[in-house]
Amino acid sequence: MQRFVPEPVFERMVAVRRDLHRHPELSWQEERTAERVCARLRELGVPHRRVTATGIVADLPGRGEGPRVALRADMDALPIQEETGLPFASVHDGVMHACGHDGHMSMLLGAAELLRRQGELPAAVRLIFQPAEETGNGARAMVEAGALDDVAMIFGGHLDRAYPPGTVVVADGVVNASTDTFRIRIAGQGAHAARPHEGVDAVVVGSFVVTALQAIVAREVDPVQPAVVTVGRFHAGSASNIMAGDAELEGTIRANDPDVRDHLLRAVRRVSESVAGLHHATAHVEFRDPTPAVRNAPPMAALARRAAARVVSERDVTALRHANMGAEDFSWYLERVPGCYVRYGARLRGPESPPAHSSRFDFDEGALAVGAAWLCAVALEAGRRAKLTVPEPPSGR
């Protein structure tokens, strides 16, 4: 795969990736990570600055003083104990790069080196190294800090072990679902477990709520519309002989269509409150950490495909098999400027390729070369457009 970039560039990317993988840091704690990225940018002679707590924005000059094309990589790791057995495995207990962000940073630094070799660029290029993607609020914070000022378009991508190395996956429309986290606090009445008639059992009420929530997608959403309502945490009770008076449920809502998303939000509140009331309890529902769906505009996807075809063969530019119901806060950038989010094939050779967010996740490092080459190519392709204009900020944002 290193044929897509010069061998020395590939070797430097692998070295950076492995160093970052060995020293992962959680969301908003990416201090060493940011220092390592800044050090590499200094080596490349790329002006840069820190924004937000740990984010970085770097700018490569282009012809004239027009708007910029932005390229983005995420930086944070996950609270997972690594079990890969890699020689460069995490040295931090309970923290691991289990989603490929170490690779994404390496790709963007590789693209920076490739762009520096181009001479005068057709348009200025901004490199965005973003913290806290895993919490869903890093991109929004970067936008609020001015990362998209004077940016006309933005591009990014994600390693994907569902596709073979050497492929770039480009799709029109939705490529990642919206997400909303919900918390349901159920208030019943505690009592002695031997006298349940004297209380209102929050465990029972919470169980009915969990069951009822499953009917929302099954019976209230058009079957052709992807949607998810999942309860991932249920906490209640303090002892086996005490009937719990309170319970707390947490979960996630995913959707591709904004109208479906709105319906799910309303339905989770309605069902929870109604079921709790039916059993003489109350339910308080709150939502947090909203992230819109990632939606590629067709013209931007077409531009991304052209750039990909310059890197890999046209047969290796493939379509997304189906929208990913996982969230990606790249959507906050696309709420402001047009762009495209792609996937880089990174399946490991062999019988197993453990999924992202697992303790054994790894990827084919050949994908680093493809990603860096595509980021460089798409920046050049976008910069050659006849006219780059910065969109007006949306009202109310």
Protein backbone atom coordinates (compact mmCIF):
# COMPACT_ATOMS: atom_id res chain seq x y z
CA MET A 1 0.00 0.00 0.00
CA GLN A 2 2.92 2.34 0.47
CA ARG A 3 3.02 2.69 -3.33
CA PHE A 4 0.44 5.47 -2.89
CA VAL A 5 3.01 7.66 -1.14
CA PRO A 6 6.83 7.75 -1.18
CA GLU A 7 8.39 5.09 1.04
CA PRO A 8 9.98 7.58 3.50
CA VAL A 9 6.64 9.33 3.98
CA PHE A 10 4.93 6.02 4.68
CA GLU A 11 7.60 5.01 7.18
CA ARG A 12 7.19 8.30 9.04
CA MET A 13 3.41 7.86 9.14
CA VAL A 14 3.73 4.36 10.57
CA ALA A 15 6.17 5.60 13.21
CA VAL A 16 3.82 8.42 14.24
CA ARG A 17 0.81 6.11 14.31
CA ARG A 18 2.56 3.60 16.53
CA ASP A 19 3.81 6.28 18.91
CA LEU A 20 0.31 7.74 19.23
CA HIS A 21 -1.15 4.27 19.68
CA ARG A 22 1.28 3.51 22.49
CA HIS A 23 0.26 6.71 24.31
CA PRO A 24 -3.54 7.08 23.94
CA GLU A 25 -5.46 9.80 25.75
CA LEU A 26 -9.17 10.20 26.43
CA SER A 27 -11.40 13.02 25.20
CA TRP A 28 -10.25 16.49 26.28
CA GLN A 29 -7.11 14.95 27.79
CA GLU A 30 -5.08 14.76 24.56
CA GLU A 31 -2.14 16.83 25.86
CA ARG A 32 0.74 14.56 24.85
CA THR A 33 -1.09 13.74 21.63
CA ALA A 34 -1.36 17.44 20.76
CA GLU A 35 2.31 18.00 21.61
CA ARG A 36 3.31 15.12 19.32
CA VAL A 37 1.20 16.47 16.45
CA CYS A 38 2.58 19.98 16.93
CA ALA A 39 6.13 18.63 16.97
CA ARG A 40 5.59 16.94 13.61
CA LEU A 41 4.00 20.09 12.16
CA ARG A 42 7.07 22.07 13.28
CA GLU A 43 9.30 19.55 11.53
CA LEU A 44 7.29 20.09 8.36
CA GLY A 45 7.41 23.88 8.75
CA VAL A 46 3.60 24.17 8.89
CA PRO A 47 2.28 27.14 10.92
CA HIS A 48 -0.22 26.00 13.53
CA ARG A 49 -1.98 27.03 16.71
CA ARG A 50 -3.81 25.38 19.58
CA VAL A 51 -7.56 25.93 19.81
CA THR A 52 -9.99 24.69 22.46
CA ALA A 53 -8.25 22.71 25.20
CA THR A 54 -6.30 20.29 23.02
CA GLY A 55 -7.30 20.94 19.41
CA ILE A 56 -4.94 22.13 16.68
CA VAL A 57 -5.47 24.16 13.52
CA ALA A 58 -2.68 24.38 10.94
CA ASP A 59 -2.68 26.37 7.70
CA LEU A 60 -0.86 25.75 4.44
CA PRO A 61 -0.84 28.82 2.16
CA GLY A 62 -2.30 28.72 -1.30
CA ARG A 63 -2.55 30.88 -4.38
CA GLY A 64 -4.08 34.24 -3.49
CA GLU A 65 -5.97 35.05 -0.32
CA GLY A 66 -9.18 33.14 -1.02
CA PRO A 67 -11.09 30.69 1.17
CA ARG A 68 -9.53 27.48 2.43
CA VAL A 69 -10.19 23.80 1.96
CA ALA A 70 -10.19 22.01 5.33
CA LEU A 71 -9.09 18.47 6.17
CA ARG A 72 -9.94 16.95 9.56
CA ALA A 73 -8.61 14.17 11.80
CA ASP A 74 -9.84 13.18 15.27
CA MET A 75 -7.47 12.61 18.19
CA ASP A 76 -9.03 10.91 21.20
CA ALA A 77 -8.91 7.32 22.45
CA LEU A 78 -11.44 5.15 24.30
CA PRO A 79 -11.72 3.82 27.87
CA ILE A 80 -10.88 0.23 26.87
CA GLN A 81 -8.19 -2.13 28.16
CA GLU A 82 -6.14 -3.12 25.12
CA GLU A 83 -5.76 -6.84 24.36
CA THR A 84 -4.13 -6.77 20.91
CA GLY A 85 -0.71 -8.00 21.97
CA LEU A 86 0.88 -5.48 19.57
CA PRO A 87 4.50 -4.51 20.30
CA PHE A 88 3.29 -0.89 20.42
CA ALA A 89 0.21 -1.56 22.56
CA SER A 90 -1.07 1.09 24.94
CA VAL A 91 1.05 1.77 28.00
CA HIS A 92 -1.95 3.30 29.79
CA ASP A 93 -4.21 0.88 31.63
CA GLY A 94 -7.82 1.14 30.53
CA VAL A 95 -7.15 3.50 27.60
CA MET A 96 -6.77 2.42 23.98
CA HIS A 97 -6.93 3.74 20.43
CA ALA A 98 -9.72 1.32 19.50
CA CYS A 99 -11.29 3.38 16.71
CA GLY A 100 -8.35 4.27 14.47
CA HIS A 101 -7.90 7.90 15.50
CA ASP A 102 -4.16 7.26 15.80
CA GLY A 103 -4.28 6.35 12.11
CA HIS A 104 -6.37 9.39 11.19
CA MET A 105 -3.84 11.77 12.76
CA SER A 106 -0.99 9.99 11.01
CA MET A 107 -2.82 10.25 7.67
CA LEU A 108 -3.39 13.98 8.05
CA LEU A 109 0.25 14.56 8.97
CA GLY A 110 1.22 12.48 5.95
CA ALA A 111 -1.09 14.58 3.78
CA ALA A 112 0.56 17.72 5.17
CA GLU A 113 3.95 16.40 4.02
CA LEU A 114 2.58 15.52 0.58
CA LEU A 115 1.00 18.95 0.21
CA ARG A 116 4.26 20.65 1.22
CA ARG A 117 5.90 18.83 -1.69
CA GLN A 118 3.38 20.25 -4.19
CA GLY A 119 4.81 23.73 -4.35
CA GLU A 120 2.16 26.44 -4.64
CA LEU A 121 -1.26 25.04 -3.80
CA PRO A 122 -4.33 26.07 -5.84
CA ALA A 123 -6.05 27.10 -2.59
CA ALA A 124 -5.03 27.38 1.02
CA VAL A 125 -5.51 24.22 3.07
CA ARG A 126 -6.46 24.07 6.74
CA LEU A 127 -5.61 20.99 8.80
CA ILE A 128 -7.93 20.40 11.77
CA PHE A 129 -6.82 18.02 14.50
CA GLN A 130 -9.92 17.65 16.62
CA PRO A 131 -10.22 16.39 20.20
CA ALA A 132 -13.17 14.61 21.79
CA GLU A 133 -14.89 12.96 18.84
CA GLU A 134 -15.87 10.03 21.02
CA THR A 135 -17.90 12.28 23.32
CA GLY A 136 -19.64 13.91 20.36
CA ASN A 137 -18.80 17.49 21.33
CA GLY A 138 -15.28 18.07 20.02
CA ALA A 139 -16.25 19.18 16.51
CA ARG A 140 -18.87 21.59 17.80
CA ALA A 141 -16.30 23.13 20.15
CA MET A 142 -13.82 23.49 17.28
CA VAL A 143 -16.43 25.21 15.12
CA GLU A 144 -17.28 27.60 17.95
CA ALA A 145 -13.56 28.31 18.38
CA GLY A 146 -13.30 29.42 14.74
CA ALA A 147 -11.82 26.35 13.08
CA LEU A 148 -14.05 26.88 10.04
CA ASP A 149 -13.40 30.61 9.64
CA ASP A 150 -12.65 31.29 5.95
CA VAL A 151 -13.25 27.62 5.10
CA ALA A 152 -15.29 26.84 1.98
CA MET A 153 -15.29 23.02 2.11
CA ILE A 154 -14.22 20.27 4.49
CA PHE A 155 -13.24 16.64 3.99
CA GLY A 156 -12.41 13.75 6.28
CA GLY A 157 -12.60 10.00 6.58
CA HIS A 158 -12.55 6.97 8.85
CA LEU A 159 -10.74 3.66 8.77
CA ASP A 160 -13.20 0.81 8.18
CA ARG A 161 -12.36 -2.87 8.68
CA ALA A 162 -15.49 -3.88 6.70
CA TYR A 163 -13.68 -3.02 3.44
CA PRO A 164 -10.38 -4.32 2.02
CA PRO A 165 -7.22 -2.19 2.04
CA GLY A 166 -6.75 -0.11 -1.08
CA THR A 167 -10.39 0.95 -1.32
CA VAL A 168 -12.01 4.33 -0.70
CA VAL A 169 -15.71 4.28 0.13
CA VAL A 170 -17.71 7.31 -1.02
CA ALA A 171 -21.46 7.76 -0.70
CA ASP A 172 -24.11 10.38 -1.38
CA GLY A 173 -26.50 11.25 1.42
CA VAL A 174 -26.39 9.87 4.96
CA VAL A 175 -23.25 7.97 5.96
CA ASN A 176 -23.59 8.18 9.76
CA ALA A 177 -26.70 8.40 11.91
CA SER A 178 -27.70 11.17 14.25
CA THR A 179 -27.38 10.37 17.92
CA ASP A 180 -28.99 11.57 21.14
CA THR A 181 -28.29 10.23 24.61
CA PHE A 182 -31.23 9.92 26.98
CA ARG A 183 -31.47 9.53 30.74
CA ILE A 184 -34.68 8.41 32.43
CA ARG A 185 -34.99 8.84 36.19
CA ILE A 186 -37.85 6.82 37.67
CA ALA A 187 -39.18 7.79 41.08
CA GLY A 188 -41.23 5.17 42.91
CA GLN A 189 -41.45 4.41 46.61
CA GLY A 190 -38.95 2.29 48.52
CA ALA A 191 -40.20 -0.40 50.90
CA HIS A 192 -39.24 -3.66 52.57
CA ALA A 193 -38.91 -6.39 49.97
CA ALA A 194 -41.22 -8.60 52.04
CA ARG A 195 -44.01 -6.00 51.90
CA PRO A 196 -44.04 -4.80 48.26
CA HIS A 197 -47.62 -3.52 48.54
CA GLU A 198 -46.31 -0.68 50.70
CA GLY A 199 -44.15 0.78 47.96
CA VAL A 200 -43.75 1.33 44.22
CA ASP A 201 -40.97 -0.86 42.82
CA ALA A 202 -38.72 1.22 40.53
CA VAL A 203 -37.07 -1.96 39.22
CA VAL A 204 -40.38 -3.30 37.94
CA VAL A 205 -41.42 0.08 36.55
CA GLY A 206 -38.04 0.50 34.85
CA SER A 207 -38.32 -2.96 33.34
CA PHE A 208 -41.72 -2.11 31.87
CA VAL A 209 -40.23 1.11 30.48
CA VAL A 210 -37.37 -0.78 28.81
CA THR A 211 -39.82 -3.23 27.24
CA ALA A 212 -42.18 -0.50 26.07
CA LEU A 213 -39.36 1.50 24.47
CA GLN A 214 -38.64 -1.45 22.16
CA ALA A 215 -42.03 -1.00 20.51
CA ILE A 216 -41.25 2.53 19.34
CA VAL A 217 -39.02 1.48 16.43
CA ALA A 218 -40.96 -1.73 15.83
CA ARG A 219 -44.39 -0.10 15.62
CA GLU A 220 -44.01 3.66 15.16
CA VAL A 221 -41.25 4.00 12.54
CA ASP A 222 -41.53 3.19 8.84
CA PRO A 223 -39.61 -0.11 8.38
CA VAL A 224 -37.59 1.37 5.50
CA GLN A 225 -36.18 4.05 7.82
CA PRO A 226 -33.14 3.02 9.89
CA ALA A 227 -33.72 3.78 13.57
CA VAL A 228 -32.44 2.57 16.94
CA VAL A 229 -33.55 3.01 20.54
CA THR A 230 -31.22 1.16 22.91
CA VAL A 231 -31.10 1.17 26.71
CA GLY A 232 -27.49 0.59 27.64
CA ARG A 233 -27.53 1.14 31.40
CA PHE A 234 -30.07 0.30 34.14
CA HIS A 235 -29.14 1.12 37.73
CA ALA A 236 -31.42 0.57 40.71
CA GLY A 237 -31.47 -0.82 44.22
CA SER A 238 -29.03 -1.14 47.10
CA ALA A 239 -29.77 -4.52 48.72
CA SER A 240 -31.61 -7.76 48.05
CA ASN A 241 -34.21 -7.16 50.76
CA ILE A 242 -34.98 -3.53 49.89
CA MET A 243 -37.44 -2.64 47.17
CA ALA A 244 -35.84 0.10 45.09
CA GLY A 245 -37.57 3.45 45.19
CA ASP A 246 -35.54 4.95 42.36
CA ALA A 247 -34.02 3.76 39.10
CA GLU A 248 -31.98 5.36 36.35
CA LEU A 249 -31.84 4.25 32.74
CA GLU A 250 -29.51 5.58 30.05
CA GLY A 251 -29.52 4.86 26.36
CA THR A 252 -29.06 6.12 22.84
CA ILE A 253 -31.30 7.12 19.93
CA ARG A 254 -30.06 6.80 16.33
CA ALA A 255 -31.74 7.88 13.11
CA ASN A 256 -30.90 8.88 9.54
CA ASP A 257 -33.90 11.10 8.89
CA PRO A 258 -34.43 14.30 10.95
CA ASP A 259 -38.20 13.76 11.11
CA VAL A 260 -37.67 10.22 12.42
CA ARG A 261 -35.20 11.58 14.95
CA ASP A 262 -37.73 14.14 16.20
CA HIS A 263 -40.40 11.44 16.49
CA LEU A 264 -38.09 9.17 18.48
CA LEU A 265 -37.24 11.94 20.92
CA ARG A 266 -40.91 12.70 21.52
CA ALA A 267 -41.81 9.01 21.74
CA VAL A 268 -39.15 8.14 24.32
CA ARG A 269 -40.46 10.89 26.59
CA ARG A 270 -44.12 9.98 26.01
CA VAL A 271 -43.68 6.24 26.55
CA SER A 272 -41.47 6.64 29.63
CA GLU A 273 -43.77 9.09 31.36
CA SER A 274 -46.91 7.15 30.46
CA VAL A 275 -45.61 3.74 31.56
CA ALA A 276 -44.29 5.16 34.82
CA GLY A 277 -47.61 6.88 35.52
CA LEU A 278 -49.51 3.68 34.81
CA HIS A 279 -47.61 2.05 37.68
CA HIS A 280 -47.93 4.96 40.15
CA ALA A 281 -44.39 6.22 39.55
CA THR A 282 -43.01 9.26 37.76
CA ALA A 283 -40.37 9.46 35.05
CA HIS A 284 -38.13 12.43 34.32
CA VAL A 285 -36.57 12.26 30.84
CA GLU A 286 -33.65 14.35 29.65
CA PHE A 287 -31.63 14.35 26.44
CA ARG A 288 -28.01 15.38 25.92
CA ASP A 289 -25.03 15.15 23.54
CA PRO A 290 -26.98 15.64 20.30
CA THR A 291 -25.11 14.98 17.06
CA PRO A 292 -26.74 15.41 13.63
CA ALA A 293 -26.48 12.80 10.92
CA VAL A 294 -23.46 12.99 8.59
CA ARG A 295 -24.90 13.78 5.17
CA ASN A 296 -22.71 14.10 2.05
CA ALA A 297 -24.07 16.46 -0.59
CA PRO A 298 -23.91 14.77 -4.03
CA PRO A 299 -21.61 17.42 -5.60
CA MET A 300 -19.13 17.02 -2.76
CA ALA A 301 -19.31 13.23 -3.01
CA ALA A 302 -18.62 13.48 -6.74
CA LEU A 303 -15.57 15.64 -6.03
CA ALA A 304 -14.38 13.11 -3.43
CA ARG A 305 -14.81 10.26 -5.94
CA ARG A 306 -12.72 12.08 -8.55
CA ALA A 307 -9.96 12.57 -6.00
CA ALA A 308 -10.16 8.93 -4.94
CA ALA A 309 -9.93 7.76 -8.55
CA ARG A 310 -6.66 9.69 -8.84
CA VAL A 311 -5.27 7.67 -5.95
CA VAL A 312 -6.71 4.16 -6.40
CA SER A 313 -8.22 2.64 -9.50
CA GLU A 314 -11.83 3.51 -10.29
CA ARG A 315 -12.92 -0.02 -9.45
CA ASP A 316 -11.53 0.51 -5.95
CA VAL A 317 -13.73 3.56 -5.35
CA THR A 318 -16.74 1.82 -3.94
CA ALA A 319 -20.16 2.74 -2.57
CA LEU A 320 -21.22 2.42 1.05
CA ARG A 321 -23.16 -0.81 1.53
CA HIS A 322 -25.51 0.84 4.00
CA ALA A 323 -25.56 3.86 6.28
CA ASN A 324 -23.59 3.37 9.47
CA MET A 325 -25.79 3.76 12.54
CA GLY A 326 -22.75 4.83 14.52
CA ALA A 327 -22.44 8.56 15.13
CA GLU A 328 -19.67 10.87 13.94
CA ASP A 329 -19.45 14.51 14.99
CA PHE A 330 -18.00 15.49 11.61
CA SER A 331 -21.66 16.33 11.05
CA TRP A 332 -21.19 19.61 12.96
CA TYR A 333 -18.77 20.79 10.26
CA LEU A 334 -21.20 19.81 7.50
CA GLU A 335 -23.89 21.84 9.25
CA ARG A 336 -21.75 24.88 8.44
CA VAL A 337 -19.93 24.16 5.17
CA PRO A 338 -20.29 21.59 2.38
CA GLY A 339 -17.99 18.61 2.36
CA CYS A 340 -17.69 14.86 2.25
CA TYR A 341 -16.85 12.10 4.72
CA VAL A 342 -15.42 8.87 3.32
CA ARG A 343 -14.13 5.53 4.58
CA TYR A 344 -10.78 3.89 3.98
CA GLY A 345 -10.72 0.12 3.62
CA ALA A 346 -8.56 -1.25 6.44
CA ARG A 347 -9.53 -4.90 6.95
CA LEU A 348 -6.78 -7.01 8.48
CA ARG A 349 -5.60 -9.96 6.47
CA GLY A 350 -6.49 -13.27 8.08
CA PRO A 351 -9.59 -14.94 9.50
CA GLU A 352 -10.43 -12.15 11.98
CA SER A 353 -10.66 -8.39 11.82
CA PRO A 354 -11.96 -7.30 15.25
CA PRO A 355 -14.46 -4.43 15.17
CA ALA A 356 -13.87 -0.85 16.25
CA HIS A 357 -14.45 -0.16 19.95
CA SER A 358 -13.23 -3.63 20.85
CA SER A 359 -10.18 -4.47 22.96
CA ARG A 360 -8.51 -6.24 20.00
CA PHE A 361 -9.13 -3.64 17.30
CA ASP A 362 -6.33 -3.04 14.82
CA PHE A 363 -6.15 -2.14 11.13
CA ASP A 364 -3.99 -2.73 8.09
CA GLU A 365 -1.40 0.05 8.20
CA GLY A 366 -1.33 0.13 4.40
CA ALA A 367 -4.53 2.16 4.70
CA LEU A 368 -2.44 5.04 6.07
CA ALA A 369 -0.92 5.56 2.63
CA VAL A 370 -4.31 5.53 0.91
CA GLY A 371 -5.79 7.98 3.40
CA ALA A 372 -2.90 10.43 3.20
CA ALA A 373 -2.86 10.31 -0.61
CA TRP A 374 -6.63 10.86 -0.79
CA LEU A 375 -6.57 13.78 1.65
CA CYS A 376 -3.87 15.41 -0.45
CA ALA A 377 -5.72 14.70 -3.70
CA VAL A 378 -9.09 15.97 -2.47
CA ALA A 379 -7.52 19.19 -1.18
CA LEU A 380 -5.98 19.79 -4.60
CA GLU A 381 -9.16 18.80 -6.45
CA ALA A 382 -11.30 21.12 -4.31
CA GLY A 383 -8.77 23.93 -4.57
CA ARG A 384 -8.89 23.80 -8.37
CA ARG A 385 -12.61 24.56 -8.45
CA ALA A 386 -13.34 27.73 -10.36
CA LYS A 387 -14.73 29.56 -7.34
CA LEU A 388 -14.50 28.84 -3.63
CA THR A 389 -16.97 30.72 -1.48
CA VAL A 390 -17.47 30.67 2.26
CA PRO A 391 -21.11 29.87 3.15
CA GLU A 392 -23.06 32.24 5.36
CA PRO A 393 -23.31 30.99 8.95
CA PRO A 394 -26.70 29.37 9.60
CA SER A 395 -29.14 31.55 11.52
CA GLY A 396 -29.56 30.63 15.15
CA ARG A 397 -26.15 28.96 15.47
